[in-house]
Amino acid sequence: MEASTIFAVAHRGASNEYPENTVAAFDRAIELGAPAVEFDVRMAADGVPVIFHDAEISRTTSGQGLLQDWTSHDLMRLDAGTWKHPRFAGVRIPTLGEALACIAERARPVLELKV
């Protein structure tokens, strides 16, 4: 890709249709032809990088509180899909490794590191 090339980036995956920053949203964005997928990376309490936009988890999950206070194991037990639509019940917060594995070789990952 040339430096002057302009291309679309799927912001938090196909977040208009699917729960943002989830493997389902990344898969859908790539299926729709997005050449790049943007997602947000935060550190869980146990040092595992997870994919999540907000500092507080209640807007898009079944949990409450600050993400940094939760371990990755506990975060992955939360429902991160029902807020968007009941058909996404059980969708969960992915780790950075899971997100990269999902996107690998199908699109360019664009990481936004949240501090």
PDB file of N, CA and C in Angstrom:
ATOM      1  N   MET A   1       0.839  -1.165   0.000  1.00  0.00           N
ATOM      2  CA  MET A   1       0.000   0.000   0.000  1.00  0.00           C
ATOM      3  C   MET A   1       0.891   1.237   0.000  1.00  0.00           C
ATOM      4  N   GLU A   2       0.627   2.171  -0.898  1.00  0.00           N
ATOM      5  CA  GLU A   2       1.414   3.389  -0.990  1.00  0.00           C
ATOM      6  C   GLU A   2       1.104   4.320   0.175  1.00  0.00           C
ATOM      7  N   ALA A   3       2.064   5.140   0.539  1.00  0.00           N
ATOM      8  CA  ALA A   3       1.904   6.062   1.661  1.00  0.00           C
ATOM      9  C   ALA A   3       0.747   7.023   1.439  1.00  0.00           C
ATOM     10  N   SER A   4       0.444   7.365   0.194  1.00  0.00           N
ATOM     11  CA  SER A   4      -0.623   8.318  -0.084  1.00  0.00           C
ATOM     12  C   SER A   4      -1.987   7.657  -0.261  1.00  0.00           C
ATOM     13  N   THR A   5      -2.065   6.364  -0.119  1.00  0.00           N
ATOM     14  CA  THR A   5      -3.323   5.655  -0.285  1.00  0.00           C
ATOM     15  C   THR A   5      -4.262   5.959   0.880  1.00  0.00           C
ATOM     16  N   ILE A   6      -5.495   6.246   0.557  1.00  0.00           N
ATOM     17  CA  ILE A   6      -6.527   6.455   1.573  1.00  0.00           C
ATOM     18  C   ILE A   6      -7.395   5.207   1.596  1.00  0.00           C
ATOM     19  N   PHE A   7      -7.693   4.707   2.804  1.00  0.00           N
ATOM     20  CA  PHE A   7      -8.536   3.530   2.911  1.00  0.00           C
ATOM     21  C   PHE A   7      -9.409   3.619   4.151  1.00  0.00           C
ATOM     22  N   ALA A   8     -10.494   2.898   4.118  1.00  0.00           N
ATOM     23  CA  ALA A   8     -11.448   2.908   5.227  1.00  0.00           C
ATOM     24  C   ALA A   8     -10.929   2.061   6.379  1.00  0.00           C
ATOM     25  N   VAL A   9     -11.249   2.487   7.580  1.00  0.00           N
ATOM     26  CA  VAL A   9     -10.905   1.743   8.787  1.00  0.00           C
ATOM     27  C   VAL A   9     -12.198   1.484   9.543  1.00  0.00           C
ATOM     28  N   ALA A  10     -12.457   0.232   9.860  1.00  0.00           N
ATOM     29  CA  ALA A  10     -13.664  -0.126  10.609  1.00  0.00           C
ATOM     30  C   ALA A  10     -13.439   0.230  12.082  1.00  0.00           C
ATOM     31  N   HIS A  11     -14.094   1.285  12.533  1.00  0.00           N
ATOM     32  CA  HIS A  11     -13.923   1.799  13.890  1.00  0.00           C
ATOM     33  C   HIS A  11     -14.580   0.879  14.909  1.00  0.00           C
ATOM     34  N   ARG A  12     -13.759   0.252  15.747  1.00  0.00           N
ATOM     35  CA  ARG A  12     -14.215  -0.729  16.738  1.00  0.00           C
ATOM     36  C   ARG A  12     -14.927  -1.903  16.051  1.00  0.00           C
ATOM     37  N   GLY A  13     -14.491  -2.211  14.838  1.00  0.00           N
ATOM     38  CA  GLY A  13     -15.131  -3.270  14.057  1.00  0.00           C
ATOM     39  C   GLY A  13     -16.372  -2.719  13.373  1.00  0.00           C
ATOM     40  N   ALA A  14     -17.287  -3.583  13.025  1.00  0.00           N
ATOM     41  CA  ALA A  14     -18.558  -3.146  12.430  1.00  0.00           C
ATOM     42  C   ALA A  14     -19.488  -2.731  13.570  1.00  0.00           C
ATOM     43  N   SER A  15     -19.098  -1.663  14.260  1.00  0.00           N
ATOM     44  CA  SER A  15     -19.763  -1.276  15.513  1.00  0.00           C
ATOM     45  C   SER A  15     -21.137  -0.667  15.326  1.00  0.00           C
ATOM     46  N   ASN A  16     -21.518  -0.360  14.111  1.00  0.00           N
ATOM     47  CA  ASN A  16     -22.881   0.101  13.882  1.00  0.00           C
ATOM     48  C   ASN A  16     -23.876  -1.055  14.008  1.00  0.00           C
ATOM     49  N   GLU A  17     -23.452  -2.238  13.582  1.00  0.00           N
ATOM     50  CA  GLU A  17     -24.320  -3.423  13.590  1.00  0.00           C
ATOM     51  C   GLU A  17     -24.060  -4.384  14.742  1.00  0.00           C
ATOM     52  N   TYR A  18     -22.820  -4.454  15.190  1.00  0.00           N
ATOM     53  CA  TYR A  18     -22.385  -5.463  16.156  1.00  0.00           C
ATOM     54  C   TYR A  18     -21.827  -4.796  17.408  1.00  0.00           C
ATOM     55  N   PRO A  19     -21.758  -5.511  18.524  1.00  0.00           N
ATOM     56  CA  PRO A  19     -21.180  -4.926  19.736  1.00  0.00           C
ATOM     57  C   PRO A  19     -19.722  -4.518  19.491  1.00  0.00           C
ATOM     58  N   GLU A  20     -19.424  -3.268  19.759  1.00  0.00           N
ATOM     59  CA  GLU A  20     -18.096  -2.719  19.486  1.00  0.00           C
ATOM     60  C   GLU A  20     -16.979  -3.488  20.168  1.00  0.00           C
ATOM     61  N   ASN A  21     -15.827  -3.492  19.501  1.00  0.00           N
ATOM     62  CA  ASN A  21     -14.613  -4.101  20.063  1.00  0.00           C
ATOM     63  C   ASN A  21     -14.786  -5.567  20.442  1.00  0.00           C
ATOM     64  N   THR A  22     -15.531  -6.311  19.640  1.00  0.00           N
ATOM     65  CA  THR A  22     -15.697  -7.749  19.861  1.00  0.00           C
ATOM     66  C   THR A  22     -15.254  -8.506  18.610  1.00  0.00           C
ATOM     67  N   VAL A  23     -14.936  -9.761  18.782  1.00  0.00           N
ATOM     68  CA  VAL A  23     -14.546 -10.593  17.643  1.00  0.00           C
ATOM     69  C   VAL A  23     -15.669 -10.622  16.608  1.00  0.00           C
ATOM     70  N   ALA A  24     -16.917 -10.639  17.052  1.00  0.00           N
ATOM     71  CA  ALA A  24     -18.057 -10.624  16.124  1.00  0.00           C
ATOM     72  C   ALA A  24     -18.026  -9.365  15.261  1.00  0.00           C
ATOM     73  N   ALA A  25     -17.729  -8.229  15.862  1.00  0.00           N
ATOM     74  CA  ALA A  25     -17.661  -6.966  15.120  1.00  0.00           C
ATOM     75  C   ALA A  25     -16.473  -6.945  14.164  1.00  0.00           C
ATOM     76  N   PHE A  26     -15.354  -7.535  14.563  1.00  0.00           N
ATOM     77  CA  PHE A  26     -14.181  -7.586  13.696  1.00  0.00           C
ATOM     78  C   PHE A  26     -14.448  -8.493  12.497  1.00  0.00           C
ATOM     79  N   ASP A  27     -15.020  -9.667  12.757  1.00  0.00           N
ATOM     80  CA  ASP A  27     -15.347 -10.592  11.669  1.00  0.00           C
ATOM     81  C   ASP A  27     -16.292  -9.944  10.666  1.00  0.00           C
ATOM     82  N   ARG A  28     -17.309  -9.256  11.168  1.00  0.00           N
ATOM     83  CA  ARG A  28     -18.298  -8.619  10.287  1.00  0.00           C
ATOM     84  C   ARG A  28     -17.650  -7.511   9.454  1.00  0.00           C
ATOM     85  N   ALA A  29     -16.789  -6.710  10.061  1.00  0.00           N
ATOM     86  CA  ALA A  29     -16.124  -5.633   9.331  1.00  0.00           C
ATOM     87  C   ALA A  29     -15.297  -6.201   8.176  1.00  0.00           C
ATOM     88  N   ILE A  30     -14.582  -7.260   8.443  1.00  0.00           N
ATOM     89  CA  ILE A  30     -13.755  -7.887   7.406  1.00  0.00           C
ATOM     90  C   ILE A  30     -14.639  -8.507   6.329  1.00  0.00           C
ATOM     91  N   GLU A  31     -15.719  -9.123   6.754  1.00  0.00           N
ATOM     92  CA  GLU A  31     -16.689  -9.696   5.804  1.00  0.00           C
ATOM     93  C   GLU A  31     -17.245  -8.616   4.878  1.00  0.00           C
ATOM     94  N   LEU A  32     -17.426  -7.408   5.391  1.00  0.00           N
ATOM     95  CA  LEU A  32     -17.929  -6.287   4.590  1.00  0.00           C
ATOM     96  C   LEU A  32     -16.849  -5.658   3.710  1.00  0.00           C
ATOM     97  N   GLY A  33     -15.601  -6.115   3.879  1.00  0.00           N
ATOM     98  CA  GLY A  33     -14.527  -5.648   3.019  1.00  0.00           C
ATOM     99  C   GLY A  33     -13.616  -4.596   3.625  1.00  0.00           C
ATOM    100  N   ALA A  34     -13.694  -4.357   4.914  1.00  0.00           N
ATOM    101  CA  ALA A  34     -12.806  -3.370   5.538  1.00  0.00           C
ATOM    102  C   ALA A  34     -11.354  -3.838   5.443  1.00  0.00           C
ATOM    103  N   PRO A  35     -10.473  -2.990   4.922  1.00  0.00           N
ATOM    104  CA  PRO A  35      -9.068  -3.373   4.833  1.00  0.00           C
ATOM    105  C   PRO A  35      -8.314  -3.204   6.150  1.00  0.00           C
ATOM    106  N   ALA A  36      -8.937  -2.480   7.101  1.00  0.00           N
ATOM    107  CA  ALA A  36      -8.310  -2.246   8.398  1.00  0.00           C
ATOM    108  C   ALA A  36      -9.384  -2.209   9.478  1.00  0.00           C
ATOM    109  N   VAL A  37      -9.023  -2.681  10.669  1.00  0.00           N
ATOM    110  CA  VAL A  37      -9.952  -2.708  11.809  1.00  0.00           C
ATOM    111  C   VAL A  37      -9.268  -2.027  12.986  1.00  0.00           C
ATOM    112  N   GLU A  38      -9.922  -0.993  13.515  1.00  0.00           N
ATOM    113  CA  GLU A  38      -9.415  -0.267  14.678  1.00  0.00           C
ATOM    114  C   GLU A  38     -10.056  -0.833  15.926  1.00  0.00           C
ATOM    115  N   PHE A  39      -9.251  -0.949  16.992  1.00  0.00           N
ATOM    116  CA  PHE A  39      -9.800  -1.378  18.277  1.00  0.00           C
ATOM    117  C   PHE A  39      -8.984  -0.776  19.408  1.00  0.00           C
ATOM    118  N   ASP A  40      -9.589  -0.749  20.581  1.00  0.00           N
ATOM    119  CA  ASP A  40      -9.000  -0.114  21.757  1.00  0.00           C
ATOM    120  C   ASP A  40      -8.419  -1.165  22.691  1.00  0.00           C
ATOM    121  N   VAL A  41      -7.237  -0.890  23.225  1.00  0.00           N
ATOM    122  CA  VAL A  41      -6.552  -1.828  24.105  1.00  0.00           C
ATOM    123  C   VAL A  41      -6.376  -1.197  25.486  1.00  0.00           C
ATOM    124  N   ARG A  42      -6.803  -1.941  26.502  1.00  0.00           N
ATOM    125  CA  ARG A  42      -6.624  -1.539  27.906  1.00  0.00           C
ATOM    126  C   ARG A  42      -6.013  -2.713  28.658  1.00  0.00           C
ATOM    127  N   MET A  43      -5.381  -2.414  29.773  1.00  0.00           N
ATOM    128  CA  MET A  43      -4.788  -3.459  30.606  1.00  0.00           C
ATOM    129  C   MET A  43      -5.737  -3.844  31.731  1.00  0.00           C
ATOM    130  N   ALA A  44      -5.975  -5.138  31.855  1.00  0.00           N
ATOM    131  CA  ALA A  44      -6.747  -5.666  32.979  1.00  0.00           C
ATOM    132  C   ALA A  44      -5.860  -5.652  34.227  1.00  0.00           C
ATOM    133  N   ALA A  45      -6.466  -5.889  35.371  1.00  0.00           N
ATOM    134  CA  ALA A  45      -5.743  -5.852  36.650  1.00  0.00           C
ATOM    135  C   ALA A  45      -4.574  -6.829  36.696  1.00  0.00           C
ATOM    136  N   ASP A  46      -4.674  -7.936  35.965  1.00  0.00           N
ATOM    137  CA  ASP A  46      -3.608  -8.949  35.970  1.00  0.00           C
ATOM    138  C   ASP A  46      -2.563  -8.724  34.878  1.00  0.00           C
ATOM    139  N   GLY A  47      -2.612  -7.557  34.218  1.00  0.00           N
ATOM    140  CA  GLY A  47      -1.621  -7.220  33.206  1.00  0.00           C
ATOM    141  C   GLY A  47      -1.900  -7.758  31.820  1.00  0.00           C
ATOM    142  N   VAL A  48      -3.037  -8.392  31.614  1.00  0.00           N
ATOM    143  CA  VAL A  48      -3.402  -8.923  30.301  1.00  0.00           C
ATOM    144  C   VAL A  48      -4.070  -7.816  29.488  1.00  0.00           C
ATOM    145  N   PRO A  49      -3.584  -7.549  28.266  1.00  0.00           N
ATOM    146  CA  PRO A  49      -4.236  -6.542  27.432  1.00  0.00           C
ATOM    147  C   PRO A  49      -5.553  -7.092  26.874  1.00  0.00           C
ATOM    148  N   VAL A  50      -6.619  -6.314  27.055  1.00  0.00           N
ATOM    149  CA  VAL A  50      -7.945  -6.684  26.575  1.00  0.00           C
ATOM    150  C   VAL A  50      -8.475  -5.574  25.671  1.00  0.00           C
ATOM    151  N   ILE A  51      -9.477  -5.912  24.878  1.00  0.00           N
ATOM    152  CA  ILE A  51     -10.030  -4.970  23.913  1.00  0.00           C
ATOM    153  C   ILE A  51     -11.283  -4.333  24.501  1.00  0.00           C
ATOM    154  N   PHE A  52     -11.161  -3.027  24.788  1.00  0.00           N
ATOM    155  CA  PHE A  52     -12.273  -2.314  25.420  1.00  0.00           C
ATOM    156  C   PHE A  52     -12.035  -0.820  25.281  1.00  0.00           C
ATOM    157  N   HIS A  53     -13.087  -0.063  25.021  1.00  0.00           N
ATOM    158  CA  HIS A  53     -12.947   1.375  24.828  1.00  0.00           C
ATOM    159  C   HIS A  53     -12.975   2.176  26.125  1.00  0.00           C
ATOM    160  N   ASP A  54     -13.996   2.005  26.916  1.00  0.00           N
ATOM    161  CA  ASP A  54     -14.218   2.856  28.092  1.00  0.00           C
ATOM    162  C   ASP A  54     -13.372   2.424  29.288  1.00  0.00           C
ATOM    163  N   ALA A  55     -13.087   3.375  30.163  1.00  0.00           N
ATOM    164  CA  ALA A  55     -12.411   3.038  31.419  1.00  0.00           C
ATOM    165  C   ALA A  55     -13.368   2.291  32.349  1.00  0.00           C
ATOM    166  N   GLU A  56     -14.652   2.634  32.262  1.00  0.00           N
ATOM    167  CA  GLU A  56     -15.705   2.036  33.094  1.00  0.00           C
ATOM    168  C   GLU A  56     -16.452   1.024  32.233  1.00  0.00           C
ATOM    169  N   ILE A  57     -16.829  -0.119  32.796  1.00  0.00           N
ATOM    170  CA  ILE A  57     -17.344  -1.218  31.961  1.00  0.00           C
ATOM    171  C   ILE A  57     -18.863  -1.313  31.841  1.00  0.00           C
ATOM    172  N   SER A  58     -19.621  -0.489  32.555  1.00  0.00           N
ATOM    173  CA  SER A  58     -21.071  -0.690  32.599  1.00  0.00           C
ATOM    174  C   SER A  58     -21.812  -0.344  31.308  1.00  0.00           C
ATOM    175  N   ARG A  59     -21.280   0.528  30.457  1.00  0.00           N
ATOM    176  CA  ARG A  59     -22.000   0.913  29.243  1.00  0.00           C
ATOM    177  C   ARG A  59     -22.198  -0.263  28.294  1.00  0.00           C
ATOM    178  N   THR A  60     -21.202  -1.143  28.187  1.00  0.00           N
ATOM    179  CA  THR A  60     -21.279  -2.208  27.178  1.00  0.00           C
ATOM    180  C   THR A  60     -21.156  -3.619  27.734  1.00  0.00           C
ATOM    181  N   THR A  61     -21.217  -3.776  29.063  1.00  0.00           N
ATOM    182  CA  THR A  61     -21.139  -5.130  29.629  1.00  0.00           C
ATOM    183  C   THR A  61     -22.132  -5.290  30.763  1.00  0.00           C
ATOM    184  N   SER A  62     -22.206  -6.486  31.269  1.00  0.00           N
ATOM    185  CA  SER A  62     -23.060  -6.788  32.414  1.00  0.00           C
ATOM    186  C   SER A  62     -22.379  -6.472  33.737  1.00  0.00           C
ATOM    187  N   GLY A  63     -21.159  -5.932  33.706  1.00  0.00           N
ATOM    188  CA  GLY A  63     -20.420  -5.606  34.918  1.00  0.00           C
ATOM    189  C   GLY A  63     -20.483  -4.129  35.251  1.00  0.00           C
ATOM    190  N   GLN A  64     -19.884  -3.783  36.374  1.00  0.00           N
ATOM    191  CA  GLN A  64     -19.805  -2.391  36.816  1.00  0.00           C
ATOM    192  C   GLN A  64     -18.429  -2.131  37.399  1.00  0.00           C
ATOM    193  N   GLY A  65     -17.976  -0.896  37.293  1.00  0.00           N
ATOM    194  CA  GLY A  65     -16.696  -0.506  37.861  1.00  0.00           C
ATOM    195  C   GLY A  65     -15.668  -0.220  36.787  1.00  0.00           C
ATOM    196  N   LEU A  66     -14.450   0.014  37.239  1.00  0.00           N
ATOM    197  CA  LEU A  66     -13.357   0.306  36.328  1.00  0.00           C
ATOM    198  C   LEU A  66     -12.755  -0.982  35.768  1.00  0.00           C
ATOM    199  N   LEU A  67     -12.482  -0.985  34.486  1.00  0.00           N
ATOM    200  CA  LEU A  67     -11.889  -2.159  33.857  1.00  0.00           C
ATOM    201  C   LEU A  67     -10.572  -2.523  34.533  1.00  0.00           C
ATOM    202  N   GLN A  68      -9.770  -1.548  34.878  1.00  0.00           N
ATOM    203  CA  GLN A  68      -8.453  -1.806  35.468  1.00  0.00           C
ATOM    204  C   GLN A  68      -8.525  -2.548  36.796  1.00  0.00           C
ATOM    205  N   ASP A  69      -9.708  -2.606  37.402  1.00  0.00           N
ATOM    206  CA  ASP A  69      -9.879  -3.312  38.669  1.00  0.00           C
ATOM    207  C   ASP A  69     -10.297  -4.770  38.482  1.00  0.00           C
ATOM    208  N   TRP A  70     -10.521  -5.184  37.263  1.00  0.00           N
ATOM    209  CA  TRP A  70     -10.979  -6.544  36.952  1.00  0.00           C
ATOM    210  C   TRP A  70      -9.846  -7.350  36.329  1.00  0.00           C
ATOM    211  N   THR A  71      -9.746  -8.625  36.670  1.00  0.00           N
ATOM    212  CA  THR A  71      -8.786  -9.503  35.991  1.00  0.00           C
ATOM    213  C   THR A  71      -9.342  -9.866  34.610  1.00  0.00           C
ATOM    214  N   SER A  72      -8.469 -10.279  33.731  1.00  0.00           N
ATOM    215  CA  SER A  72      -8.914 -10.678  32.390  1.00  0.00           C
ATOM    216  C   SER A  72      -9.891 -11.851  32.479  1.00  0.00           C
ATOM    217  N   HIS A  73      -9.625 -12.772  33.375  1.00  0.00           N
ATOM    218  CA  HIS A  73     -10.506 -13.928  33.543  1.00  0.00           C
ATOM    219  C   HIS A  73     -11.922 -13.478  33.913  1.00  0.00           C
ATOM    220  N   ASP A  74     -12.037 -12.558  34.847  1.00  0.00           N
ATOM    221  CA  ASP A  74     -13.357 -12.073  35.258  1.00  0.00           C
ATOM    222  C   ASP A  74     -14.012 -11.232  34.170  1.00  0.00           C
ATOM    223  N   LEU A  75     -13.235 -10.445  33.442  1.00  0.00           N
ATOM    224  CA  LEU A  75     -13.790  -9.650  32.341  1.00  0.00           C
ATOM    225  C   LEU A  75     -14.380 -10.543  31.263  1.00  0.00           C
ATOM    226  N   MET A  76     -13.708 -11.656  30.982  1.00  0.00           N
ATOM    227  CA  MET A  76     -14.179 -12.548  29.919  1.00  0.00           C
ATOM    228  C   MET A  76     -15.432 -13.321  30.310  1.00  0.00           C
ATOM    229  N   ARG A  77     -15.822 -13.244  31.558  1.00  0.00           N
ATOM    230  CA  ARG A  77     -17.055 -13.897  32.002  1.00  0.00           C
ATOM    231  C   ARG A  77     -18.271 -12.986  31.845  1.00  0.00           C
ATOM    232  N   LEU A  78     -18.026 -11.707  31.544  1.00  0.00           N
ATOM    233  CA  LEU A  78     -19.117 -10.745  31.406  1.00  0.00           C
ATOM    234  C   LEU A  78     -19.787 -10.867  30.040  1.00  0.00           C
ATOM    235  N   ASP A  79     -21.041 -10.483  29.976  1.00  0.00           N
ATOM    236  CA  ASP A  79     -21.773 -10.391  28.716  1.00  0.00           C
ATOM    237  C   ASP A  79     -21.462  -9.022  28.118  1.00  0.00           C
ATOM    238  N   ALA A  80     -20.868  -9.013  26.950  1.00  0.00           N
ATOM    239  CA  ALA A  80     -20.518  -7.760  26.279  1.00  0.00           C
ATOM    240  C   ALA A  80     -21.315  -7.567  24.996  1.00  0.00           C
ATOM    241  N   GLY A  81     -22.459  -8.270  24.880  1.00  0.00           N
ATOM    242  CA  GLY A  81     -23.231  -8.177  23.652  1.00  0.00           C
ATOM    243  C   GLY A  81     -24.672  -7.761  23.805  1.00  0.00           C
ATOM    244  N   THR A  82     -25.299  -8.115  24.903  1.00  0.00           N
ATOM    245  CA  THR A  82     -26.734  -7.868  25.066  1.00  0.00           C
ATOM    246  C   THR A  82     -27.089  -6.390  24.995  1.00  0.00           C
ATOM    247  N   TRP A  83     -26.189  -5.503  25.435  1.00  0.00           N
ATOM    248  CA  TRP A  83     -26.472  -4.068  25.385  1.00  0.00           C
ATOM    249  C   TRP A  83     -26.793  -3.614  23.964  1.00  0.00           C
ATOM    250  N   LYS A  84     -26.208  -4.278  22.968  1.00  0.00           N
ATOM    251  CA  LYS A  84     -26.436  -3.908  21.572  1.00  0.00           C
ATOM    252  C   LYS A  84     -27.734  -4.509  21.052  1.00  0.00           C
ATOM    253  N   HIS A  85     -27.943  -5.784  21.362  1.00  0.00           N
ATOM    254  CA  HIS A  85     -29.162  -6.495  20.952  1.00  0.00           C
ATOM    255  C   HIS A  85     -29.146  -7.863  21.626  1.00  0.00           C
ATOM    256  N   PRO A  86     -30.317  -8.371  22.029  1.00  0.00           N
ATOM    257  CA  PRO A  86     -30.360  -9.682  22.688  1.00  0.00           C
ATOM    258  C   PRO A  86     -29.735 -10.820  21.879  1.00  0.00           C
ATOM    259  N   ARG A  87     -29.700 -10.691  20.558  1.00  0.00           N
ATOM    260  CA  ARG A  87     -29.097 -11.769  19.742  1.00  0.00           C
ATOM    261  C   ARG A  87     -27.597 -11.899  19.977  1.00  0.00           C
ATOM    262  N   PHE A  88     -26.988 -10.886  20.604  1.00  0.00           N
ATOM    263  CA  PHE A  88     -25.558 -10.934  20.891  1.00  0.00           C
ATOM    264  C   PHE A  88     -25.255 -11.352  22.328  1.00  0.00           C
ATOM    265  N   ALA A  89     -26.247 -11.881  23.011  1.00  0.00           N
ATOM    266  CA  ALA A  89     -26.035 -12.336  24.389  1.00  0.00           C
ATOM    267  C   ALA A  89     -24.888 -13.340  24.429  1.00  0.00           C
ATOM    268  N   GLY A  90     -23.999 -13.165  25.378  1.00  0.00           N
ATOM    269  CA  GLY A  90     -22.877 -14.086  25.531  1.00  0.00           C
ATOM    270  C   GLY A  90     -21.613 -13.673  24.809  1.00  0.00           C
ATOM    271  N   VAL A  91     -21.696 -12.671  23.934  1.00  0.00           N
ATOM    272  CA  VAL A  91     -20.480 -12.161  23.299  1.00  0.00           C
ATOM    273  C   VAL A  91     -19.619 -11.588  24.413  1.00  0.00           C
ATOM    274  N   ARG A  92     -18.309 -11.810  24.333  1.00  0.00           N
ATOM    275  CA  ARG A  92     -17.463 -11.394  25.443  1.00  0.00           C
ATOM    276  C   ARG A  92     -16.334 -10.475  25.007  1.00  0.00           C
ATOM    277  N   ILE A  93     -15.674  -9.904  25.980  1.00  0.00           N
ATOM    278  CA  ILE A  93     -14.525  -9.030  25.759  1.00  0.00           C
ATOM    279  C   ILE A  93     -13.343  -9.903  25.319  1.00  0.00           C
ATOM    280  N   PRO A  94     -12.731  -9.607  24.181  1.00  0.00           N
ATOM    281  CA  PRO A  94     -11.570 -10.405  23.761  1.00  0.00           C
ATOM    282  C   PRO A  94     -10.258  -9.873  24.343  1.00  0.00           C
ATOM    283  N   THR A  95      -9.279 -10.736  24.392  1.00  0.00           N
ATOM    284  CA  THR A  95      -7.916 -10.315  24.722  1.00  0.00           C
ATOM    285  C   THR A  95      -7.279  -9.752  23.457  1.00  0.00           C
ATOM    286  N   LEU A  96      -6.140  -9.089  23.615  1.00  0.00           N
ATOM    287  CA  LEU A  96      -5.412  -8.592  22.456  1.00  0.00           C
ATOM    288  C   LEU A  96      -5.012  -9.745  21.541  1.00  0.00           C
ATOM    289  N   GLY A  97      -4.578 -10.850  22.127  1.00  0.00           N
ATOM    290  CA  GLY A  97      -4.199 -12.010  21.322  1.00  0.00           C
ATOM    291  C   GLY A  97      -5.349 -12.540  20.488  1.00  0.00           C
ATOM    292  N   GLU A  98      -6.525 -12.594  21.076  1.00  0.00           N
ATOM    293  CA  GLU A  98      -7.706 -13.067  20.341  1.00  0.00           C
ATOM    294  C   GLU A  98      -8.072 -12.112  19.206  1.00  0.00           C
ATOM    295  N   ALA A  99      -7.979 -10.821  19.462  1.00  0.00           N
ATOM    296  CA  ALA A  99      -8.295  -9.839  18.426  1.00  0.00           C
ATOM    297  C   ALA A  99      -7.315  -9.950  17.259  1.00  0.00           C
ATOM    298  N   LEU A 100      -6.038 -10.035  17.568  1.00  0.00           N
ATOM    299  CA  LEU A 100      -5.038 -10.143  16.501  1.00  0.00           C
ATOM    300  C   LEU A 100      -5.183 -11.442  15.725  1.00  0.00           C
ATOM    301  N   ALA A 101      -5.501 -12.528  16.415  1.00  0.00           N
ATOM    302  CA  ALA A 101      -5.707 -13.817  15.734  1.00  0.00           C
ATOM    303  C   ALA A 101      -6.909 -13.741  14.802  1.00  0.00           C
ATOM    304  N   CYS A 102      -7.939 -13.034  15.213  1.00  0.00           N
ATOM    305  CA  CYS A 102      -9.150 -12.884  14.398  1.00  0.00           C
ATOM    306  C   CYS A 102      -8.864 -12.094  13.126  1.00  0.00           C
ATOM    307  N   ILE A 103      -8.104 -11.034  13.267  1.00  0.00           N
ATOM    308  CA  ILE A 103      -7.856 -10.124  12.146  1.00  0.00           C
ATOM    309  C   ILE A 103      -6.705 -10.591  11.265  1.00  0.00           C
ATOM    310  N   ALA A 104      -5.786 -11.352  11.840  1.00  0.00           N
ATOM    311  CA  ALA A 104      -4.545 -11.760  11.176  1.00  0.00           C
ATOM    312  C   ALA A 104      -4.724 -12.117   9.714  1.00  0.00           C
ATOM    313  N   GLU A 105      -3.901 -11.489   8.906  1.00  0.00           N
ATOM    314  CA  GLU A 105      -3.805 -11.760   7.477  1.00  0.00           C
ATOM    315  C   GLU A 105      -5.080 -11.473   6.699  1.00  0.00           C
ATOM    316  N   ARG A 106      -6.116 -10.979   7.366  1.00  0.00           N
ATOM    317  CA  ARG A 106      -7.354 -10.643   6.650  1.00  0.00           C
ATOM    318  C   ARG A 106      -7.554  -9.137   6.551  1.00  0.00           C
ATOM    319  N   ALA A 107      -6.972  -8.397   7.488  1.00  0.00           N
ATOM    320  CA  ALA A 107      -7.076  -6.940   7.495  1.00  0.00           C
ATOM    321  C   ALA A 107      -5.922  -6.387   8.321  1.00  0.00           C
ATOM    322  N   ARG A 108      -5.731  -5.100   8.245  1.00  0.00           N
ATOM    323  CA  ARG A 108      -4.668  -4.454   9.014  1.00  0.00           C
ATOM    324  C   ARG A 108      -5.228  -4.035  10.375  1.00  0.00           C
ATOM    325  N   PRO A 109      -4.602  -4.462  11.472  1.00  0.00           N
ATOM    326  CA  PRO A 109      -5.052  -4.018  12.789  1.00  0.00           C
ATOM    327  C   PRO A 109      -4.562  -2.599  13.071  1.00  0.00           C
ATOM    328  N   VAL A 110      -5.435  -1.791  13.649  1.00  0.00           N
ATOM    329  CA  VAL A 110      -5.095  -0.430  14.059  1.00  0.00           C
ATOM    330  C   VAL A 110      -5.420  -0.341  15.535  1.00  0.00           C
ATOM    331  N   LEU A 111      -4.391  -0.300  16.359  1.00  0.00           N
ATOM    332  CA  LEU A 111      -4.567  -0.323  17.811  1.00  0.00           C
ATOM    333  C   LEU A 111      -4.576   1.084  18.374  1.00  0.00           C
ATOM    334  N   GLU A 112      -5.535   1.351  19.257  1.00  0.00           N
ATOM    335  CA  GLU A 112      -5.537   2.575  20.043  1.00  0.00           C
ATOM    336  C   GLU A 112      -5.278   2.165  21.478  1.00  0.00           C
ATOM    337  N   LEU A 113      -4.146   2.561  22.020  1.00  0.00           N
ATOM    338  CA  LEU A 113      -3.779   2.205  23.381  1.00  0.00           C
ATOM    339  C   LEU A 113      -4.401   3.196  24.349  1.00  0.00           C
ATOM    340  N   LYS A 114      -5.182   2.685  25.289  1.00  0.00           N
ATOM    341  CA  LYS A 114      -5.843   3.515  26.292  1.00  0.00           C
ATOM    342  C   LYS A 114      -5.044   3.427  27.577  1.00  0.00           C
ATOM    343  N   VAL A 115      -4.848   4.554  28.220  1.00  0.00           N
ATOM    344  CA  VAL A 115      -4.094   4.582  29.463  1.00  0.00           C
ATOM    345  C   VAL A 115      -4.991   5.133  30.565  1.00  0.00           C
TER     346      VAL A 115
END
